[in-house]
Amino acid sequence: MKQKEHTFHLRQFMNAPEGWGFAAGTMIQRKLAGYIENADAELVRIAMDGVNRIDVTFAWTVIVELVRQNLGKRAMCVVKIANDEVFENIAAAAERMKVPVTIWQGDSAQVVGLEPVRGSRETLAYALARDAVRTADYAAASGLSAANASTRLKQLWEQGVLMRDERSAASGGTEYVYRRIG
């Protein structure tokens, strides 16, 4: 089954290539939230191409708040960040709010804002390095029992750090496949 995806270019919602403060962020966030809701997508990408500078308050108001509002409803990530300053301000806003935000830089993904517990860090690193992870594969690679591997992957999914698809297993039961957001 093909997942419904949509990419929104934040710059198209902005009057200038810079975003500053709560008031401007709130206006843009409300407009973008309406488009996201109407897109009926399971995965939403917020593309930052053309956005040269933002402050932490703007990042929190627009990006982090939208991710927080959509946790459990749809997966969201940030792509095409123009520079390290924009990345750092999004990361700082996510950290302040303790909201997991997946940021793609090229072909690699990083989750900022919510530090997984120590035992789940390795699981997250493993999952972010792959397109998809089955519990059995992660259990074999990590040396964990299938139950422990499943619990760690499920916890990351519940925190909004991974996506999860349900599939029929060869054994006839249900198998979950976890994917990075993006």
C-alpha atoms as a PDB file:
ATOM      1  CA  MET A   1       0.000   0.000   0.000  1.00  0.00           C
ATOM      2  CA  LYS A   2       1.387   3.377  -1.023  1.00  0.00           C
ATOM      3  CA  GLN A   3       1.652   5.917   1.751  1.00  0.00           C
ATOM      4  CA  LYS A   4       0.130   9.357   1.155  1.00  0.00           C
ATOM      5  CA  GLU A   5       2.844  12.002   1.352  1.00  0.00           C
ATOM      6  CA  HIS A   6       3.019  15.732   0.851  1.00  0.00           C
ATOM      7  CA  THR A   7       5.823  18.308   0.921  1.00  0.00           C
ATOM      8  CA  PHE A   8       5.118  21.901   1.898  1.00  0.00           C
ATOM      9  CA  HIS A   9       7.712  24.578   1.132  1.00  0.00           C
ATOM     10  CA  LEU A  10       7.721  26.894   4.136  1.00  0.00           C
ATOM     11  CA  ARG A  11       9.098  29.786   2.073  1.00  0.00           C
ATOM     12  CA  GLN A  12       5.843  29.871   0.087  1.00  0.00           C
ATOM     13  CA  PHE A  13       4.022  30.812   3.302  1.00  0.00           C
ATOM     14  CA  MET A  14       6.508  33.537   4.267  1.00  0.00           C
ATOM     15  CA  ASN A  15       6.792  37.159   3.093  1.00  0.00           C
ATOM     16  CA  ALA A  16      10.599  37.090   3.238  1.00  0.00           C
ATOM     17  CA  PRO A  17      13.388  34.499   3.447  1.00  0.00           C
ATOM     18  CA  GLU A  18      13.723  35.213   7.181  1.00  0.00           C
ATOM     19  CA  GLY A  19      11.319  34.288   9.957  1.00  0.00           C
ATOM     20  CA  TRP A  20      11.307  36.120  13.268  1.00  0.00           C
ATOM     21  CA  GLY A  21       9.230  35.918  16.398  1.00  0.00           C
ATOM     22  CA  PHE A  22       6.011  34.603  17.789  1.00  0.00           C
ATOM     23  CA  ALA A  23       3.522  36.829  15.932  1.00  0.00           C
ATOM     24  CA  ALA A  24       4.841  36.036  12.452  1.00  0.00           C
ATOM     25  CA  GLY A  25       5.280  32.384  13.373  1.00  0.00           C
ATOM     26  CA  THR A  26       1.731  32.052  14.655  1.00  0.00           C
ATOM     27  CA  MET A  27       0.266  33.533  11.476  1.00  0.00           C
ATOM     28  CA  ILE A  28       2.291  31.194   9.252  1.00  0.00           C
ATOM     29  CA  GLN A  29       1.679  28.177  11.473  1.00  0.00           C
ATOM     30  CA  ARG A  30      -2.107  28.602  11.308  1.00  0.00           C
ATOM     31  CA  LYS A  31      -2.061  28.924   7.540  1.00  0.00           C
ATOM     32  CA  LEU A  32       0.251  25.934   7.092  1.00  0.00           C
ATOM     33  CA  ALA A  33      -1.754  23.837   9.598  1.00  0.00           C
ATOM     34  CA  GLY A  34      -4.851  24.282   7.438  1.00  0.00           C
ATOM     35  CA  TYR A  35      -3.030  23.084   4.348  1.00  0.00           C
ATOM     36  CA  ILE A  36      -1.583  20.103   6.221  1.00  0.00           C
ATOM     37  CA  GLU A  37      -4.994  19.089   7.519  1.00  0.00           C
ATOM     38  CA  ASN A  38      -6.531  19.317   4.039  1.00  0.00           C
ATOM     39  CA  ALA A  39      -3.679  17.325   2.471  1.00  0.00           C
ATOM     40  CA  ASP A  40      -4.807  14.212   4.367  1.00  0.00           C
ATOM     41  CA  ALA A  41      -1.250  12.875   4.190  1.00  0.00           C
ATOM     42  CA  GLU A  42       0.311  10.251   6.448  1.00  0.00           C
ATOM     43  CA  LEU A  43       3.740  11.837   5.973  1.00  0.00           C
ATOM     44  CA  VAL A  44       4.338  15.576   5.745  1.00  0.00           C
ATOM     45  CA  ARG A  45       7.667  17.127   4.860  1.00  0.00           C
ATOM     46  CA  ILE A  46       8.350  20.775   5.644  1.00  0.00           C
ATOM     47  CA  ALA A  47      10.928  21.924   3.114  1.00  0.00           C
ATOM     48  CA  MET A  48      13.135  24.800   4.233  1.00  0.00           C
ATOM     49  CA  ASP A  49      14.677  25.628   0.852  1.00  0.00           C
ATOM     50  CA  GLY A  50      14.722  29.385   0.360  1.00  0.00           C
ATOM     51  CA  VAL A  51      14.516  30.060   4.116  1.00  0.00           C
ATOM     52  CA  ASN A  52      17.814  31.734   5.007  1.00  0.00           C
ATOM     53  CA  ARG A  53      17.311  32.622   8.661  1.00  0.00           C
ATOM     54  CA  ILE A  54      14.864  31.946  11.473  1.00  0.00           C
ATOM     55  CA  ASP A  55      15.020  32.519  15.191  1.00  0.00           C
ATOM     56  CA  VAL A  56      14.244  29.934  17.865  1.00  0.00           C
ATOM     57  CA  THR A  57      10.840  31.443  18.620  1.00  0.00           C
ATOM     58  CA  PHE A  58       9.788  31.245  14.978  1.00  0.00           C
ATOM     59  CA  ALA A  59      11.087  27.662  14.704  1.00  0.00           C
ATOM     60  CA  TRP A  60       9.165  26.692  17.836  1.00  0.00           C
ATOM     61  CA  THR A  61       5.954  28.432  16.774  1.00  0.00           C
ATOM     62  CA  VAL A  62       5.861  27.099  13.217  1.00  0.00           C
ATOM     63  CA  ILE A  63       7.752  23.819  12.998  1.00  0.00           C
ATOM     64  CA  VAL A  64       7.922  22.315  16.475  1.00  0.00           C
ATOM     65  CA  GLU A  65       4.333  23.229  17.332  1.00  0.00           C
ATOM     66  CA  LEU A  66       3.060  21.672  14.086  1.00  0.00           C
ATOM     67  CA  VAL A  67       5.006  18.474  14.796  1.00  0.00           C
ATOM     68  CA  ARG A  68       3.638  18.416  18.367  1.00  0.00           C
ATOM     69  CA  GLN A  69       0.060  18.919  17.183  1.00  0.00           C
ATOM     70  CA  ASN A  70       0.405  16.062  14.713  1.00  0.00           C
ATOM     71  CA  LEU A  71       2.101  13.487  16.963  1.00  0.00           C
ATOM     72  CA  GLY A  72       0.082  10.311  16.718  1.00  0.00           C
ATOM     73  CA  LYS A  73      -1.892  11.579  13.702  1.00  0.00           C
ATOM     74  CA  ARG A  74       0.750  11.864  10.996  1.00  0.00           C
ATOM     75  CA  ALA A  75       4.512  11.763  10.673  1.00  0.00           C
ATOM     76  CA  MET A  76       6.302  15.042   9.996  1.00  0.00           C
ATOM     77  CA  CYS A  77       9.899  15.906   9.195  1.00  0.00           C
ATOM     78  CA  VAL A  78      12.005  18.839   8.038  1.00  0.00           C
ATOM     79  CA  VAL A  79      14.001  18.702   4.800  1.00  0.00           C
ATOM     80  CA  LYS A  80      16.229  20.948   2.679  1.00  0.00           C
ATOM     81  CA  ILE A  81      17.666  23.128   5.432  1.00  0.00           C
ATOM     82  CA  ALA A  82      19.705  25.957   3.950  1.00  0.00           C
ATOM     83  CA  ASN A  83      22.389  26.307   6.629  1.00  0.00           C
ATOM     84  CA  ASP A  84      23.625  25.267  10.072  1.00  0.00           C
ATOM     85  CA  GLU A  85      22.062  28.300  11.788  1.00  0.00           C
ATOM     86  CA  VAL A  86      18.571  27.280  10.683  1.00  0.00           C
ATOM     87  CA  PHE A  87      19.280  23.697  11.791  1.00  0.00           C
ATOM     88  CA  GLU A  88      20.530  24.830  15.204  1.00  0.00           C
ATOM     89  CA  ASN A  89      17.509  27.056  15.810  1.00  0.00           C
ATOM     90  CA  ILE A  90      15.074  24.254  14.944  1.00  0.00           C
ATOM     91  CA  ALA A  91      17.044  21.867  17.172  1.00  0.00           C
ATOM     92  CA  ALA A  92      17.059  24.369  20.053  1.00  0.00           C
ATOM     93  CA  ALA A  93      13.310  24.935  19.731  1.00  0.00           C
ATOM     94  CA  ALA A  94      12.628  21.189  19.645  1.00  0.00           C
ATOM     95  CA  GLU A  95      14.862  20.647  22.679  1.00  0.00           C
ATOM     96  CA  ARG A  96      13.152  23.421  24.615  1.00  0.00           C
ATOM     97  CA  MET A  97       9.730  21.892  23.931  1.00  0.00           C
ATOM     98  CA  LYS A  98      10.900  18.242  24.244  1.00  0.00           C
ATOM     99  CA  VAL A  99       9.275  17.401  20.909  1.00  0.00           C
ATOM    100  CA  PRO A 100      10.998  14.946  18.544  1.00  0.00           C
ATOM    101  CA  VAL A 101      11.686  16.531  15.168  1.00  0.00           C
ATOM    102  CA  THR A 102      13.277  14.500  12.387  1.00  0.00           C
ATOM    103  CA  ILE A 103      15.581  16.615  10.253  1.00  0.00           C
ATOM    104  CA  TRP A 104      16.995  15.379   6.963  1.00  0.00           C
ATOM    105  CA  GLN A 105      20.288  16.712   5.679  1.00  0.00           C
ATOM    106  CA  GLY A 106      20.941  15.091   2.352  1.00  0.00           C
ATOM    107  CA  ASP A 107      20.516  11.331   2.742  1.00  0.00           C
ATOM    108  CA  SER A 108      20.858  11.222   6.515  1.00  0.00           C
ATOM    109  CA  ALA A 109      18.250  11.812   9.188  1.00  0.00           C
ATOM    110  CA  GLN A 110      18.711  13.078  12.716  1.00  0.00           C
ATOM    111  CA  VAL A 111      16.124  13.332  15.478  1.00  0.00           C
ATOM    112  CA  VAL A 112      16.401  16.412  17.683  1.00  0.00           C
ATOM    113  CA  GLY A 113      14.378  17.569  20.656  1.00  0.00           C
ATOM    114  CA  LEU A 114      13.735  14.345  22.487  1.00  0.00           C
ATOM    115  CA  GLU A 115      16.680  12.334  23.684  1.00  0.00           C
ATOM    116  CA  PRO A 116      15.720   8.650  23.787  1.00  0.00           C
ATOM    117  CA  VAL A 117      16.599   6.729  26.928  1.00  0.00           C
ATOM    118  CA  ARG A 118      20.022   5.157  26.856  1.00  0.00           C
ATOM    119  CA  GLY A 119      18.819   1.712  25.774  1.00  0.00           C
ATOM    120  CA  SER A 120      16.862   3.135  22.853  1.00  0.00           C
ATOM    121  CA  ARG A 121      19.664   5.287  21.426  1.00  0.00           C
ATOM    122  CA  GLU A 122      21.253   2.313  19.682  1.00  0.00           C
ATOM    123  CA  THR A 123      17.849   1.238  18.396  1.00  0.00           C
ATOM    124  CA  LEU A 124      17.189   4.691  16.987  1.00  0.00           C
ATOM    125  CA  ALA A 125      20.626   4.850  15.344  1.00  0.00           C
ATOM    126  CA  TYR A 126      20.005   1.439  13.777  1.00  0.00           C
ATOM    127  CA  ALA A 127      16.566   2.482  12.488  1.00  0.00           C
ATOM    128  CA  LEU A 128      17.746   5.844  11.117  1.00  0.00           C
ATOM    129  CA  ALA A 129      20.451   4.099   9.080  1.00  0.00           C
ATOM    130  CA  ARG A 130      17.870   1.980   7.207  1.00  0.00           C
ATOM    131  CA  ASP A 131      14.766   2.477   5.125  1.00  0.00           C
ATOM    132  CA  ALA A 132      12.846  -0.110   7.179  1.00  0.00           C
ATOM    133  CA  VAL A 133      13.413  -2.322  10.209  1.00  0.00           C
ATOM    134  CA  ARG A 134      11.670  -5.551  11.133  1.00  0.00           C
ATOM    135  CA  THR A 135      11.791  -6.652  14.757  1.00  0.00           C
ATOM    136  CA  ALA A 136      13.428  -9.970  13.861  1.00  0.00           C
ATOM    137  CA  ASP A 137      16.199  -8.233  11.913  1.00  0.00           C
ATOM    138  CA  TYR A 138      16.931  -5.795  14.731  1.00  0.00           C
ATOM    139  CA  ALA A 139      16.890  -8.573  17.330  1.00  0.00           C
ATOM    140  CA  ALA A 140      19.423 -10.560  15.304  1.00  0.00           C
ATOM    141  CA  ALA A 141      21.664  -7.551  14.692  1.00  0.00           C
ATOM    142  CA  SER A 142      21.606  -6.322  18.291  1.00  0.00           C
ATOM    143  CA  GLY A 143      21.632  -9.603  20.170  1.00  0.00           C
ATOM    144  CA  LEU A 144      18.396  -8.683  21.948  1.00  0.00           C
ATOM    145  CA  SER A 145      15.466 -11.025  22.340  1.00  0.00           C
ATOM    146  CA  ALA A 146      12.633 -10.490  19.888  1.00  0.00           C
ATOM    147  CA  ALA A 147      10.459  -9.198  22.743  1.00  0.00           C
ATOM    148  CA  ASN A 148      13.053  -6.609  23.837  1.00  0.00           C
ATOM    149  CA  ALA A 149      13.741  -5.521  20.259  1.00  0.00           C
ATOM    150  CA  SER A 150      10.010  -5.169  19.648  1.00  0.00           C
ATOM    151  CA  THR A 151       9.537  -3.134  22.836  1.00  0.00           C
ATOM    152  CA  ARG A 152      12.317  -0.697  21.935  1.00  0.00           C
ATOM    153  CA  LEU A 153      11.031  -0.148  18.407  1.00  0.00           C
ATOM    154  CA  LYS A 154       7.464   0.258  19.658  1.00  0.00           C
ATOM    155  CA  GLN A 155       8.566   2.838  22.248  1.00  0.00           C
ATOM    156  CA  LEU A 156      10.273   4.904  19.545  1.00  0.00           C
ATOM    157  CA  TRP A 157       7.115   4.701  17.438  1.00  0.00           C
ATOM    158  CA  GLU A 158       4.954   5.780  20.401  1.00  0.00           C
ATOM    159  CA  GLN A 159       7.263   8.765  20.994  1.00  0.00           C
ATOM    160  CA  GLY A 160       6.756   9.854  17.385  1.00  0.00           C
ATOM    161  CA  VAL A 161      10.314   9.106  16.317  1.00  0.00           C
ATOM    162  CA  LEU A 162       9.556   6.254  13.884  1.00  0.00           C
ATOM    163  CA  MET A 163       6.670   5.327  11.597  1.00  0.00           C
ATOM    164  CA  ARG A 164       5.092   1.864  11.745  1.00  0.00           C
ATOM    165  CA  ASP A 165       3.322  -0.264   9.163  1.00  0.00           C
ATOM    166  CA  GLU A 166       1.357  -3.403   9.922  1.00  0.00           C
ATOM    167  CA  ARG A 167       1.846  -6.322   7.558  1.00  0.00           C
ATOM    168  CA  SER A 168       0.947  -9.978   7.411  1.00  0.00           C
ATOM    169  CA  ALA A 169       3.817 -12.131   8.592  1.00  0.00           C
ATOM    170  CA  ALA A 170       4.864 -15.312   6.806  1.00  0.00           C
ATOM    171  CA  SER A 171       3.778 -17.173   9.950  1.00  0.00           C
ATOM    172  CA  GLY A 172       0.231 -15.914   9.441  1.00  0.00           C
ATOM    173  CA  GLY A 173       0.309 -13.374  12.256  1.00  0.00           C
ATOM    174  CA  THR A 174       0.931  -9.652  12.238  1.00  0.00           C
ATOM    175  CA  GLU A 175       4.354  -8.117  11.721  1.00  0.00           C
ATOM    176  CA  TYR A 176       5.272  -4.485  12.266  1.00  0.00           C
ATOM    177  CA  VAL A 177       7.795  -2.766  10.053  1.00  0.00           C
ATOM    178  CA  TYR A 178       9.296   0.431  11.451  1.00  0.00           C
ATOM    179  CA  ARG A 179      10.533   3.214   9.216  1.00  0.00           C
ATOM    180  CA  ARG A 180      12.331   6.486   9.732  1.00  0.00           C
ATOM    181  CA  ILE A 181      10.218   9.571   9.223  1.00  0.00           C
ATOM    182  CA  GLY A 182      10.876  11.039   5.821  1.00  0.00           C
END
